N, C-alpha and C. Protein backbone atom coordinates (compact mmCIF):
# COMPACT_ATOMS: atom_id res chain seq x y z
N MET A 1 126.41 147.87 140.95
CA MET A 1 126.21 147.25 139.49
C MET A 1 125.97 148.40 138.50
N SER A 2 126.70 148.39 137.12
CA SER A 2 126.32 149.33 136.25
C SER A 2 125.04 149.33 135.76
N THR A 3 124.34 150.50 135.16
CA THR A 3 123.14 150.52 134.77
C THR A 3 123.10 151.04 133.42
N GLU A 4 122.01 151.05 132.60
CA GLU A 4 121.74 151.63 131.25
C GLU A 4 120.42 152.34 131.02
N SER A 5 120.52 153.22 130.06
CA SER A 5 119.00 153.91 129.99
C SER A 5 118.77 153.94 128.50
N ILE A 6 117.59 153.88 128.31
CA ILE A 6 116.86 153.88 126.88
C ILE A 6 115.67 154.90 126.80
N GLU A 7 115.58 155.29 125.47
CA GLU A 7 114.24 156.05 125.26
C GLU A 7 113.69 155.60 124.22
N VAL A 8 112.46 155.16 124.05
CA VAL A 8 111.65 154.68 122.98
C VAL A 8 110.23 155.37 122.86
N PHE A 9 109.89 155.71 121.57
CA PHE A 9 108.66 156.55 121.68
C PHE A 9 107.91 155.96 120.14
N GLY A 10 106.78 156.29 120.04
CA GLY A 10 105.88 156.01 118.97
C GLY A 10 104.74 156.63 119.13
N VAL A 11 103.74 156.77 117.97
CA VAL A 11 102.48 157.42 117.75
C VAL A 11 101.36 156.34 117.76
N ILE A 12 100.47 156.62 118.67
CA ILE A 12 99.40 155.54 118.70
C ILE A 12 97.98 156.54 118.64
N HIS A 13 97.41 155.86 117.83
CA HIS A 13 96.00 156.71 117.30
C HIS A 13 94.85 156.47 118.38
N ALA A 14 95.21 157.24 119.63
CA ALA A 14 93.99 157.50 120.46
C ALA A 14 94.62 158.69 121.41
N ALA A 15 93.52 159.27 122.34
CA ALA A 15 93.66 160.26 122.94
C ALA A 15 94.58 159.83 124.11
N PRO A 16 95.44 160.84 124.70
CA PRO A 16 96.40 160.36 125.92
C PRO A 16 95.48 159.97 126.93
N GLU A 17 94.39 160.68 127.24
CA GLU A 17 93.51 159.84 128.50
C GLU A 17 93.00 158.50 128.49
N ARG A 18 92.85 158.00 127.17
CA ARG A 18 92.29 156.78 126.72
C ARG A 18 93.61 155.87 127.06
N ILE A 19 94.69 156.10 126.44
CA ILE A 19 95.91 155.22 126.76
C ILE A 19 96.26 155.23 128.20
N TYR A 20 96.29 156.32 128.83
CA TYR A 20 96.69 156.41 130.15
C TYR A 20 95.59 155.55 130.99
N GLN A 21 94.33 155.61 130.78
CA GLN A 21 93.31 154.53 131.30
C GLN A 21 93.63 153.34 131.03
N ALA A 22 93.90 152.83 129.85
CA ALA A 22 94.27 151.43 129.39
C ALA A 22 95.50 150.98 130.12
N TRP A 23 96.36 151.51 130.45
CA TRP A 23 97.74 151.18 130.84
C TRP A 23 97.52 150.97 132.22
N LEU A 24 96.49 151.45 133.16
CA LEU A 24 96.34 151.13 134.45
C LEU A 24 95.11 150.42 134.65
N ASN A 25 94.54 149.61 133.53
CA ASN A 25 93.47 148.86 133.69
C ASN A 25 93.85 147.25 133.45
N SER A 26 93.60 146.32 134.28
CA SER A 26 94.08 145.04 133.94
C SER A 26 93.77 144.44 132.76
N SER A 27 92.32 144.32 132.57
CA SER A 27 91.79 143.82 131.40
C SER A 27 92.25 144.40 129.93
N GLU A 28 92.32 145.82 129.93
CA GLU A 28 92.58 146.64 128.93
C GLU A 28 94.15 146.35 128.62
N HIS A 29 94.93 146.48 129.69
CA HIS A 29 96.57 146.35 129.50
C HIS A 29 96.64 145.09 128.88
N SER A 30 95.94 144.05 129.19
CA SER A 30 96.00 142.57 128.67
C SER A 30 95.66 142.60 127.14
N ALA A 31 94.65 143.33 126.92
CA ALA A 31 94.17 143.34 125.70
C ALA A 31 94.92 143.76 124.71
N MET A 32 95.44 145.19 125.00
CA MET A 32 96.18 145.82 124.09
C MET A 32 97.79 145.23 123.89
N THR A 33 98.30 144.69 124.71
CA THR A 33 99.55 144.04 124.59
C THR A 33 99.49 142.69 124.32
N GLY A 34 98.47 141.90 124.59
CA GLY A 34 98.63 140.60 124.13
C GLY A 34 98.89 139.59 125.34
N GLY A 35 99.32 140.09 126.32
CA GLY A 35 99.85 139.35 127.77
C GLY A 35 99.13 139.74 128.94
N ARG A 36 98.74 138.61 129.66
CA ARG A 36 98.27 138.66 130.98
C ARG A 36 98.78 139.93 131.65
N ALA A 37 97.73 140.67 132.27
CA ALA A 37 98.31 141.65 133.22
C ALA A 37 97.34 141.69 134.50
N THR A 38 97.83 142.10 135.50
CA THR A 38 97.04 142.39 136.71
C THR A 38 97.66 143.93 137.18
N VAL A 39 96.86 145.11 137.43
CA VAL A 39 97.33 146.31 137.77
C VAL A 39 96.26 146.94 138.85
N ASP A 40 97.14 147.24 139.96
CA ASP A 40 96.27 148.15 140.87
C ASP A 40 96.58 149.68 140.27
N PRO A 41 95.52 150.26 140.14
CA PRO A 41 95.74 151.62 139.41
C PRO A 41 96.03 152.79 140.41
N ASN A 42 96.56 152.33 141.78
CA ASN A 42 96.94 153.54 142.41
C ASN A 42 98.31 153.61 142.96
N ILE A 43 98.64 154.78 143.43
CA ILE A 43 99.93 154.95 143.72
C ILE A 43 100.41 154.03 144.83
N GLY A 44 101.44 153.51 144.66
CA GLY A 44 101.97 152.22 145.67
C GLY A 44 101.38 150.89 145.33
N GLY A 45 100.25 151.02 144.18
CA GLY A 45 99.94 149.73 144.01
C GLY A 45 100.86 148.85 142.95
N ARG A 46 100.63 147.61 143.07
CA ARG A 46 101.59 146.56 142.51
C ARG A 46 100.85 146.08 141.10
N PHE A 47 101.89 145.80 140.14
CA PHE A 47 101.23 145.37 138.79
C PHE A 47 102.17 144.17 138.47
N SER A 48 101.63 143.45 137.48
CA SER A 48 102.31 142.41 137.11
C SER A 48 101.96 142.39 135.50
N VAL A 49 102.92 142.21 134.31
CA VAL A 49 102.49 142.27 132.88
C VAL A 49 103.28 141.23 132.19
N TRP A 50 102.74 141.02 131.07
CA TRP A 50 103.21 139.99 130.19
C TRP A 50 103.24 138.48 130.73
N ASP A 51 102.07 138.35 131.42
CA ASP A 51 102.05 136.87 132.03
C ASP A 51 103.17 136.52 132.91
N GLY A 52 103.48 137.74 133.89
CA GLY A 52 104.27 137.86 134.87
C GLY A 52 105.74 137.80 134.58
N TYR A 53 106.15 138.14 133.47
CA TYR A 53 107.44 138.43 132.91
C TYR A 53 108.11 139.70 133.71
N ALA A 54 107.18 140.68 133.79
CA ALA A 54 107.81 142.15 134.37
C ALA A 54 106.79 142.41 135.57
N GLU A 55 107.19 142.93 136.61
CA GLU A 55 106.29 143.38 137.67
C GLU A 55 106.96 144.70 138.33
N GLY A 56 106.15 145.13 139.45
CA GLY A 56 106.88 146.37 140.02
C GLY A 56 105.60 147.04 140.68
N SER A 57 105.92 148.28 141.06
CA SER A 57 104.85 149.25 141.64
C SER A 57 104.85 150.67 141.03
N THR A 58 103.61 151.20 141.27
CA THR A 58 103.56 152.65 140.45
C THR A 58 103.79 153.68 141.72
N ILE A 59 104.73 154.52 141.39
CA ILE A 59 105.22 155.59 142.44
C ILE A 59 104.85 157.10 142.01
N GLU A 60 104.16 157.17 140.82
CA GLU A 60 103.64 158.42 140.44
C GLU A 60 102.84 158.45 139.35
N LEU A 61 101.71 159.33 139.37
CA LEU A 61 100.81 159.35 138.54
C LEU A 61 100.20 160.76 138.07
N GLU A 62 100.14 161.26 136.91
CA GLU A 62 99.62 162.37 136.41
C GLU A 62 98.58 162.20 135.44
N PRO A 63 97.29 162.03 135.52
CA PRO A 63 96.19 161.58 134.75
C PRO A 63 96.42 162.13 133.32
N GLY A 64 96.38 161.38 132.24
CA GLY A 64 96.37 161.51 131.15
C GLY A 64 97.82 162.22 130.43
N ARG A 65 98.86 162.32 131.46
CA ARG A 65 100.25 163.00 131.21
C ARG A 65 101.27 161.95 131.32
N ARG A 66 101.30 161.06 132.64
CA ARG A 66 102.62 160.62 132.84
C ARG A 66 102.30 159.42 133.90
N ILE A 67 102.97 158.30 133.70
CA ILE A 67 103.20 157.15 134.86
C ILE A 67 104.41 156.68 134.89
N VAL A 68 104.71 156.86 136.34
CA VAL A 68 106.24 156.34 136.70
C VAL A 68 106.08 155.02 137.58
N GLN A 69 106.98 154.13 137.25
CA GLN A 69 106.66 152.84 137.80
C GLN A 69 108.07 152.32 138.19
N ARG A 70 108.41 151.56 139.38
CA ARG A 70 109.57 150.70 139.36
C ARG A 70 109.42 149.29 138.81
N TRP A 71 110.22 149.13 138.21
CA TRP A 71 109.96 147.94 137.22
C TRP A 71 111.04 146.95 137.00
N ARG A 72 111.04 145.68 137.09
CA ARG A 72 111.76 144.57 136.98
C ARG A 72 111.28 143.43 136.11
N SER A 73 112.29 142.67 135.40
CA SER A 73 111.71 141.47 134.68
C SER A 73 112.30 140.34 135.39
N THR A 74 112.09 139.19 134.83
CA THR A 74 112.40 137.84 135.39
C THR A 74 113.80 137.57 135.08
N GLU A 75 114.44 138.55 134.11
CA GLU A 75 115.82 138.41 133.59
C GLU A 75 116.63 139.22 134.33
N PHE A 76 116.40 140.30 135.16
CA PHE A 76 117.29 140.81 136.11
C PHE A 76 117.81 139.91 136.99
N PRO A 77 119.26 140.42 136.98
CA PRO A 77 120.09 139.43 138.07
C PRO A 77 119.53 139.51 139.45
N SER A 78 119.37 138.55 140.46
CA SER A 78 119.01 138.63 141.81
C SER A 78 119.73 139.94 142.57
N GLU A 79 120.93 140.36 142.29
CA GLU A 79 121.36 141.54 143.22
C GLU A 79 121.13 142.65 142.51
N ALA A 80 120.42 142.76 141.39
CA ALA A 80 120.10 144.07 140.40
C ALA A 80 118.90 144.88 141.50
N GLY A 81 118.97 146.01 141.49
CA GLY A 81 117.69 146.78 142.12
C GLY A 81 116.76 146.90 140.91
N ASP A 82 115.67 147.64 141.05
CA ASP A 82 114.32 147.66 140.31
C ASP A 82 114.80 148.89 139.27
N SER A 83 114.37 148.79 138.17
CA SER A 83 114.70 149.78 137.04
C SER A 83 113.53 150.88 137.23
N LEU A 84 113.59 151.96 136.58
CA LEU A 84 112.79 152.94 136.63
C LEU A 84 112.19 153.28 135.37
N LEU A 85 110.96 153.09 135.18
CA LEU A 85 110.18 153.40 134.04
C LEU A 85 109.30 154.57 133.99
N GLU A 86 109.52 155.32 133.19
CA GLU A 86 108.29 156.76 133.00
C GLU A 86 107.75 156.79 131.74
N VAL A 87 106.48 156.48 131.80
CA VAL A 87 105.66 156.56 130.43
C VAL A 87 105.11 157.80 130.19
N ARG A 88 105.41 158.58 129.19
CA ARG A 88 104.70 160.06 129.12
C ARG A 88 103.77 159.96 127.79
N PHE A 89 102.72 160.65 128.05
CA PHE A 89 101.77 160.66 126.75
C PHE A 89 101.47 162.33 126.36
N GLU A 90 101.96 162.46 125.08
CA GLU A 90 101.99 163.82 124.58
C GLU A 90 100.97 163.98 123.70
N PRO A 91 99.92 164.86 123.57
CA PRO A 91 99.04 164.88 122.52
C PRO A 91 99.04 165.54 121.18
N LEU A 92 98.78 164.59 120.19
CA LEU A 92 99.02 165.18 118.81
C LEU A 92 97.87 165.34 118.16
N GLU A 93 97.88 166.01 116.77
CA GLU A 93 96.74 166.04 115.96
C GLU A 93 95.92 164.71 115.73
N ASN A 94 96.83 163.85 115.55
CA ASN A 94 96.19 162.44 115.10
C ASN A 94 96.28 161.28 116.16
N GLY A 95 96.61 161.98 117.45
CA GLY A 95 96.69 160.61 118.34
C GLY A 95 97.56 161.10 119.44
N THR A 96 98.55 160.40 120.02
CA THR A 96 99.43 160.53 120.97
C THR A 96 100.81 160.16 120.76
N ARG A 97 101.55 160.84 121.25
CA ARG A 97 103.06 160.48 121.34
C ARG A 97 103.40 159.86 122.44
N VAL A 98 103.56 158.35 122.45
CA VAL A 98 103.99 157.89 123.91
C VAL A 98 105.36 157.35 123.81
N ALA A 99 105.98 157.86 124.99
CA ALA A 99 107.38 157.79 125.12
C ALA A 99 107.65 156.84 126.42
N PHE A 100 108.65 155.98 126.22
CA PHE A 100 108.95 155.33 127.29
C PHE A 100 110.40 155.78 127.66
N LEU A 101 110.68 156.00 128.79
CA LEU A 101 112.05 156.51 129.57
C LEU A 101 112.42 155.36 130.52
N HIS A 102 113.22 154.57 130.19
CA HIS A 102 113.57 153.31 131.00
C HIS A 102 115.12 153.60 131.38
N SER A 103 115.09 153.72 132.69
CA SER A 103 116.74 153.87 133.16
C SER A 103 116.84 152.89 134.26
N GLU A 104 118.19 152.99 134.72
CA GLU A 104 118.62 151.78 135.78
C GLU A 104 118.55 150.41 135.48
N ILE A 105 118.55 150.36 134.19
CA ILE A 105 118.59 148.81 133.50
C ILE A 105 119.78 148.07 133.85
N PRO A 106 119.80 146.90 134.40
CA PRO A 106 121.24 146.15 134.19
C PRO A 106 121.95 146.14 133.16
N GLU A 107 123.34 146.47 133.22
CA GLU A 107 124.12 146.62 132.21
C GLU A 107 123.92 145.36 131.11
N GLY A 108 124.06 145.72 129.91
CA GLY A 108 123.91 144.61 128.94
C GLY A 108 122.59 144.32 128.55
N GLN A 109 121.53 144.87 129.15
CA GLN A 109 120.15 144.29 128.73
C GLN A 109 119.43 145.61 127.94
N ALA A 110 119.71 146.71 127.89
CA ALA A 110 119.25 147.95 127.32
C ALA A 110 118.88 147.67 125.98
N THR A 111 119.42 147.07 124.97
CA THR A 111 119.03 147.09 123.61
C THR A 111 117.86 146.00 123.65
N LYS A 112 118.03 145.07 124.34
CA LYS A 112 116.93 143.83 124.56
C LYS A 112 115.49 144.69 124.55
N TYR A 113 115.57 145.53 125.76
CA TYR A 113 114.35 146.03 126.07
C TYR A 113 114.02 147.32 125.17
N GLU A 114 114.89 147.85 124.64
CA GLU A 114 114.48 148.84 123.62
C GLU A 114 113.58 148.19 122.52
N GLN A 115 114.06 146.97 121.84
CA GLN A 115 113.06 146.36 120.87
C GLN A 115 111.86 145.76 121.49
N SER A 116 112.04 145.37 122.78
CA SER A 116 110.66 144.66 123.54
C SER A 116 109.73 145.83 123.53
N TRP A 117 109.87 147.17 124.04
CA TRP A 117 108.88 148.25 124.05
C TRP A 117 108.35 148.55 122.63
N ARG A 118 109.01 148.41 121.70
CA ARG A 118 108.49 148.52 120.14
C ARG A 118 107.72 147.40 119.84
N GLU A 119 108.02 146.19 119.98
CA GLU A 119 107.58 144.94 119.23
C GLU A 119 106.16 144.56 120.44
N HIS A 120 106.34 144.58 121.76
CA HIS A 120 105.38 144.19 122.49
C HIS A 120 104.66 145.22 123.29
N TYR A 121 104.83 146.55 123.00
CA TYR A 121 103.99 147.55 123.50
C TYR A 121 103.44 148.57 122.25
N LEU A 122 104.27 149.51 121.77
CA LEU A 122 103.98 150.38 120.78
C LEU A 122 103.04 149.89 119.52
N GLU A 123 103.52 148.85 118.92
CA GLU A 123 103.00 148.16 117.86
C GLU A 123 101.63 147.60 118.18
N PRO A 124 101.63 146.47 119.09
CA PRO A 124 100.18 145.93 119.24
C PRO A 124 99.28 147.16 120.05
N MET A 125 99.57 148.18 120.69
CA MET A 125 98.79 149.01 121.15
C MET A 125 98.35 149.96 120.12
N ASP A 126 99.03 150.43 119.13
CA ASP A 126 98.39 151.05 117.89
C ASP A 126 97.34 150.19 117.28
N ARG A 127 97.60 148.99 117.10
CA ARG A 127 96.82 148.12 116.30
C ARG A 127 95.43 147.90 117.17
N TYR A 128 95.68 148.07 118.35
CA TYR A 128 94.21 147.85 119.41
C TYR A 128 93.47 149.02 119.31
N PHE A 129 94.18 150.44 119.49
CA PHE A 129 93.33 151.34 119.45
C PHE A 129 92.74 151.84 118.02
N SER A 130 93.74 151.45 117.14
CA SER A 130 93.16 151.73 115.66
C SER A 130 92.14 150.94 115.25
N SER A 131 91.75 149.83 115.72
CA SER A 131 90.74 148.85 115.28
C SER A 131 89.36 149.48 115.79
N GLY A 132 89.41 150.23 116.77
CA GLY A 132 88.10 150.63 117.30
C GLY A 132 87.40 149.45 118.04
N SER A 133 88.14 148.65 118.50
CA SER A 133 87.17 147.27 118.92
C SER A 133 86.28 147.81 120.15
N ALA A 134 85.22 147.11 120.38
CA ALA A 134 84.31 147.17 121.50
C ALA A 134 85.02 147.04 122.74
N ALA A 135 85.99 146.03 122.80
CA ALA A 135 86.55 145.84 124.11
C ALA A 135 87.31 147.25 124.31
N ALA A 136 88.14 147.99 123.56
CA ALA A 136 88.85 149.18 124.02
C ALA A 136 87.76 150.17 124.27
N GLU A 137 86.40 150.43 123.84
CA GLU A 137 85.61 151.44 124.28
C GLU A 137 85.13 151.08 125.58
N SER A 138 84.65 149.85 125.93
CA SER A 138 84.16 149.25 127.11
C SER A 138 85.10 149.45 128.17
N GLY A 139 86.49 148.85 127.96
CA GLY A 139 87.55 149.10 128.71
C GLY A 139 87.64 150.43 129.40
N GLY A 140 87.46 151.40 128.54
CA GLY A 140 87.77 152.92 128.81
C GLY A 140 86.78 153.40 129.91
N ALA A 141 85.75 152.94 129.63
CA ALA A 141 84.56 153.26 130.36
C ALA A 141 84.70 152.91 132.02
N LEU A 142 85.02 151.54 132.03
CA LEU A 142 85.43 150.96 133.21
C LEU A 142 86.62 151.61 133.81
N MET A 143 87.68 152.03 133.01
CA MET A 143 88.60 152.75 133.86
C MET A 143 88.17 154.09 134.62
N GLU A 144 87.49 154.91 133.68
CA GLU A 144 86.95 155.95 134.17
C GLU A 144 86.39 155.98 135.35
N GLU A 145 85.48 155.02 135.70
CA GLU A 145 84.80 154.58 136.93
C GLU A 145 85.69 154.32 137.85
N SER A 146 86.85 153.72 137.71
CA SER A 146 87.64 153.26 139.04
C SER A 146 88.49 154.50 139.20
N MET A 147 88.65 155.34 138.33
CA MET A 147 89.58 156.71 138.62
C MET A 147 88.79 157.48 139.42
N MET A 148 87.34 157.51 139.40
CA MET A 148 86.54 158.45 139.99
C MET A 148 86.25 157.81 141.75
N GLY A 149 86.78 156.81 141.67
CA GLY A 149 86.32 156.05 143.08
C GLY A 149 85.44 154.89 142.74
N GLU A 150 85.28 154.27 143.80
CA GLU A 150 84.41 153.01 143.70
C GLU A 150 83.19 153.27 143.28
N VAL A 151 82.65 152.52 142.22
CA VAL A 151 81.25 152.72 141.88
C VAL A 151 80.24 152.09 142.85
N GLU A 152 79.30 152.94 143.08
CA GLU A 152 78.48 152.23 143.97
C GLU A 152 77.60 151.25 143.41
N ALA A 153 77.45 150.05 144.18
CA ALA A 153 76.75 148.91 143.70
C ALA A 153 75.14 149.53 143.36
N PRO A 154 74.63 148.85 142.40
CA PRO A 154 73.15 149.24 142.15
C PRO A 154 72.20 148.49 143.42
N LYS A 155 71.35 149.57 143.69
CA LYS A 155 70.51 148.96 144.95
C LYS A 155 69.60 148.10 144.26
N PRO A 156 69.28 147.00 145.06
CA PRO A 156 68.32 146.03 144.50
C PRO A 156 67.01 146.72 144.34
N LYS A 157 66.30 146.29 143.12
CA LYS A 157 64.74 146.84 143.16
C LYS A 157 64.08 146.33 144.33
N PRO A 158 62.83 147.18 144.97
CA PRO A 158 62.19 146.58 146.05
C PRO A 158 61.16 145.64 145.34
N LYS A 159 60.99 144.28 146.09
CA LYS A 159 60.09 143.52 145.67
C LYS A 159 58.62 143.92 146.00
N PRO A 160 57.79 143.65 144.91
CA PRO A 160 56.31 144.08 145.30
C PRO A 160 55.76 143.63 146.42
N PRO A 161 54.93 144.21 147.24
CA PRO A 161 54.38 143.37 148.39
C PRO A 161 53.72 142.21 148.00
N ALA A 162 54.00 141.34 149.13
CA ALA A 162 53.09 139.98 148.75
C ALA A 162 51.72 140.26 148.93
N LYS A 163 50.88 139.58 148.00
CA LYS A 163 49.26 139.55 148.05
C LYS A 163 48.74 139.07 149.30
N LYS A 164 48.08 139.73 149.96
CA LYS A 164 47.37 138.92 151.25
C LYS A 164 46.45 138.12 150.77
N ALA A 165 46.26 137.11 151.59
CA ALA A 165 45.34 135.91 151.33
C ALA A 165 43.82 136.53 151.42
N ALA A 166 43.00 136.24 150.40
CA ALA A 166 41.55 136.73 150.35
C ALA A 166 40.80 136.24 151.47
N ALA A 167 40.15 137.04 152.32
CA ALA A 167 39.52 136.60 153.42
C ALA A 167 38.22 135.81 152.97
N PRO A 168 37.74 135.05 153.88
CA PRO A 168 36.77 133.85 153.38
C PRO A 168 35.36 134.78 153.13
N LYS A 169 34.69 134.41 152.13
CA LYS A 169 33.39 135.11 151.80
C LYS A 169 32.51 134.82 152.91
N PRO A 170 31.41 135.63 153.16
CA PRO A 170 30.35 135.45 154.12
C PRO A 170 29.76 134.15 154.17
N ALA A 171 29.31 133.80 153.04
CA ALA A 171 28.38 132.47 152.76
C ALA A 171 29.46 131.33 153.14
N ALA A 172 30.72 131.44 152.87
CA ALA A 172 31.62 130.25 153.33
C ALA A 172 31.57 130.16 154.76
N LYS A 173 31.56 131.40 155.57
CA LYS A 173 31.68 131.46 156.86
C LYS A 173 30.46 130.82 157.48
N LYS A 174 29.27 131.09 156.84
CA LYS A 174 28.04 130.61 157.14
C LYS A 174 27.98 128.98 157.15
N ALA A 175 28.40 128.59 155.92
CA ALA A 175 28.46 127.15 155.87
C ALA A 175 29.48 126.45 156.63
N ALA A 176 30.47 127.03 156.91
CA ALA A 176 31.44 126.53 157.94
C ALA A 176 30.67 126.48 159.43
N VAL A 177 30.06 127.60 159.73
CA VAL A 177 29.49 127.46 161.16
C VAL A 177 28.23 126.56 160.88
N LYS A 178 27.45 126.30 159.96
CA LYS A 178 26.31 125.08 159.94
C LYS A 178 26.94 124.03 159.91
N LYS A 179 28.17 123.56 159.27
CA LYS A 179 28.61 122.39 159.19
C LYS A 179 29.04 121.82 160.79
N ALA A 180 29.70 122.89 161.59
CA ALA A 180 30.26 122.59 162.80
C ALA A 180 29.16 121.79 163.75
N PRO A 181 27.92 122.47 164.01
CA PRO A 181 26.86 121.78 164.83
C PRO A 181 26.40 120.40 164.13
N ALA A 182 26.37 120.63 162.91
CA ALA A 182 25.85 119.35 162.17
C ALA A 182 26.74 118.20 162.79
N ARG A 183 28.03 118.34 162.48
CA ARG A 183 28.82 117.15 162.85
C ARG A 183 28.87 116.93 164.48
N ALA A 184 28.69 117.99 165.10
CA ALA A 184 28.52 117.59 166.78
C ALA A 184 27.17 116.90 166.99
N ALA A 185 26.07 117.17 166.05
CA ALA A 185 24.93 116.55 166.27
C ALA A 185 24.93 114.93 165.69
N LYS A 186 25.72 114.71 164.87
CA LYS A 186 25.90 113.36 164.43
C LYS A 186 26.82 112.52 165.38
N LYS A 187 27.61 113.22 165.90
CA LYS A 187 28.26 112.50 166.82
C LYS A 187 27.55 112.18 168.10
N LYS A 188 26.69 112.99 168.64
CA LYS A 188 25.88 113.02 169.93
C LYS A 188 25.00 111.78 169.48
N SER A 189 24.44 111.70 168.24
CA SER A 189 23.33 110.82 167.80
C SER A 189 24.12 109.29 167.71
N ALA A 190 25.32 109.51 167.26
CA ALA A 190 26.02 107.98 167.17
C ALA A 190 26.09 107.51 168.62
N LYS A 191 26.51 108.43 169.52
CA LYS A 191 26.94 107.88 170.94
C LYS A 191 25.43 107.39 171.55
N LYS A 192 24.46 108.23 171.21
CA LYS A 192 23.16 107.74 171.85
C LYS A 192 22.69 106.20 171.15
N SER A 193 23.06 106.09 169.79
CA SER A 193 22.59 104.75 169.30
C SER A 193 23.45 103.55 170.06
N LYS A 194 24.53 103.98 170.22
CA LYS A 194 25.58 102.91 170.74
C LYS A 194 24.95 102.58 172.21
N LYS A 195 24.68 103.65 172.96
CA LYS A 195 24.25 103.39 174.59
C LYS A 195 22.73 102.66 174.25
N ALA A 196 21.99 103.01 173.44
CA ALA A 196 20.81 102.25 173.26
C ALA A 196 21.05 100.65 173.08
N ALA A 197 21.87 100.57 171.88
CA ALA A 197 22.19 99.22 171.65
C ALA A 197 22.62 98.32 172.57
N SER A 198 23.32 99.15 173.56
CA SER A 198 23.98 98.38 174.78
C SER A 198 23.00 97.93 175.63
N ARG A 199 21.88 99.02 175.72
CA ARG A 199 21.00 98.66 176.81
C ARG A 199 19.95 97.58 176.42
N ARG A 200 19.81 97.75 175.09
CA ARG A 200 18.95 96.35 174.36
C ARG A 200 19.63 95.02 174.58
N SER A 201 20.72 95.14 174.50
CA SER A 201 21.75 93.90 174.60
C SER A 201 21.63 93.29 175.99
N SER A 202 21.71 94.32 176.96
CA SER A 202 21.81 93.77 178.38
C SER A 202 20.39 93.48 179.05
N ARG A 203 19.23 94.09 178.39
CA ARG A 203 17.85 93.63 178.52
C ARG A 203 17.76 92.13 177.99
N LYS A 204 18.09 91.86 176.80
CA LYS A 204 18.07 90.57 176.18
C LYS A 204 18.70 89.55 176.92
N SER A 205 19.81 89.95 177.35
CA SER A 205 20.70 89.02 178.12
C SER A 205 19.91 88.62 179.70
N ALA A 206 19.52 89.81 180.25
CA ALA A 206 18.69 89.38 181.34
C ALA A 206 17.57 88.55 181.34
N ALA A 207 16.78 88.79 180.19
CA ALA A 207 15.62 88.15 179.86
C ALA A 207 16.05 86.66 179.66
N ARG A 208 17.05 86.44 178.74
CA ARG A 208 17.45 84.92 178.62
C ARG A 208 17.77 84.07 179.91
N LYS A 209 18.51 84.84 180.97
CA LYS A 209 18.93 84.47 182.20
C LYS A 209 17.53 84.12 182.97
N ALA A 210 16.66 84.89 182.95
CA ALA A 210 15.44 84.72 183.68
C ALA A 210 14.89 83.63 183.07
N THR A 211 14.65 83.31 181.98
CA THR A 211 13.88 82.24 181.15
C THR A 211 14.78 81.14 181.53
N ARG A 212 16.02 81.01 181.44
CA ARG A 212 16.38 79.76 181.96
C ARG A 212 16.25 79.45 183.62
N LYS A 213 16.41 80.51 184.39
CA LYS A 213 16.10 80.09 185.69
C LYS A 213 14.74 79.46 185.83
N GLY A 214 13.72 80.27 185.14
CA GLY A 214 12.34 79.64 185.35
C GLY A 214 12.11 78.07 184.94
N LYS A 215 12.73 77.85 183.88
CA LYS A 215 12.79 76.41 183.34
C LYS A 215 13.41 75.34 184.41
N SER A 216 14.60 75.91 184.89
CA SER A 216 15.19 75.03 185.75
C SER A 216 14.39 74.90 187.10
N ARG A 217 13.66 76.04 187.53
CA ARG A 217 12.73 75.58 188.54
C ARG A 217 11.70 74.80 188.54
N SER A 218 10.91 74.98 187.21
CA SER A 218 9.92 74.12 186.89
C SER A 218 10.49 72.54 186.73
N SER A 219 11.39 72.38 186.14
CA SER A 219 11.93 71.04 186.17
C SER A 219 12.14 70.50 187.53
N LYS A 220 12.72 71.24 188.59
CA LYS A 220 12.95 70.69 189.71
C LYS A 220 11.56 70.42 190.47
N LYS A 221 10.44 71.15 190.30
CA LYS A 221 9.04 70.89 190.88
C LYS A 221 8.63 69.53 190.44
N ARG A 222 8.82 69.35 189.01
CA ARG A 222 8.32 68.15 188.26
C ARG A 222 8.93 66.88 188.97
N SER A 223 10.23 67.05 189.19
CA SER A 223 10.99 66.07 189.68
C SER A 223 10.63 65.68 191.14
N ALA A 224 10.16 66.62 191.98
CA ALA A 224 9.94 66.59 193.14
C ALA A 224 8.71 65.80 193.33
N ARG A 225 7.72 66.00 192.64
CA ARG A 225 6.28 65.39 192.40
C ARG A 225 6.52 64.01 192.19
N ARG A 226 7.14 63.78 191.36
CA ARG A 226 7.39 62.35 190.76
C ARG A 226 7.92 61.46 192.04
N GLY A 227 8.81 62.04 192.71
CA GLY A 227 9.39 61.38 193.85
C GLY A 227 8.23 61.10 194.96
N LYS A 228 7.46 62.04 195.05
CA LYS A 228 6.40 61.86 196.12
C LYS A 228 5.40 60.69 195.78
N ARG A 229 5.32 60.69 194.48
CA ARG A 229 4.34 59.38 194.08
C ARG A 229 5.11 58.17 194.10
């Protein structure tokens, strides 16, 4: 299949390193172009830009100077191979000359992509960096950390040692010791009272029985005497 090549360039009012970092950062790439992007910033890493319109992989990186990627859009014919995109960053006094060298584009599509690089990248990128937005500054810091390697997660602050429960005061201990025998004495006293009451009840019952027996004997004797008479 026949292919075409284009070169598009423009001036962005930011340092080469800043633009390079933003290109390889998912959140900043999204912010500076206006389309959702996900980017793996490593060689061999995959990327997707402009809400999935284009995707590919990164094959070469020269920090602050050059990015080379395999690139294809959803409009490429299924039989077409990936195109080759080289993004160059050249420092200027008032910013950076950013050049897109896009080759191996399917025949008939070069003019369309030439316009797209201007309208969807160079122009919004310059507005983004010229605005000096907080998002641009914070995004750059995040990208610098990712290029230096994984940032070590902050270590959790040690928790203050738990306060030990205060030991009981001596007076409280003595009171507790005093209460224990007092309770035991009360229990013993209650048991004794119950036993004494039980004994008294048994004695009364025996006395009643004896009285009844005595009365019964007396009545029998009287009856016997009357019979003799």
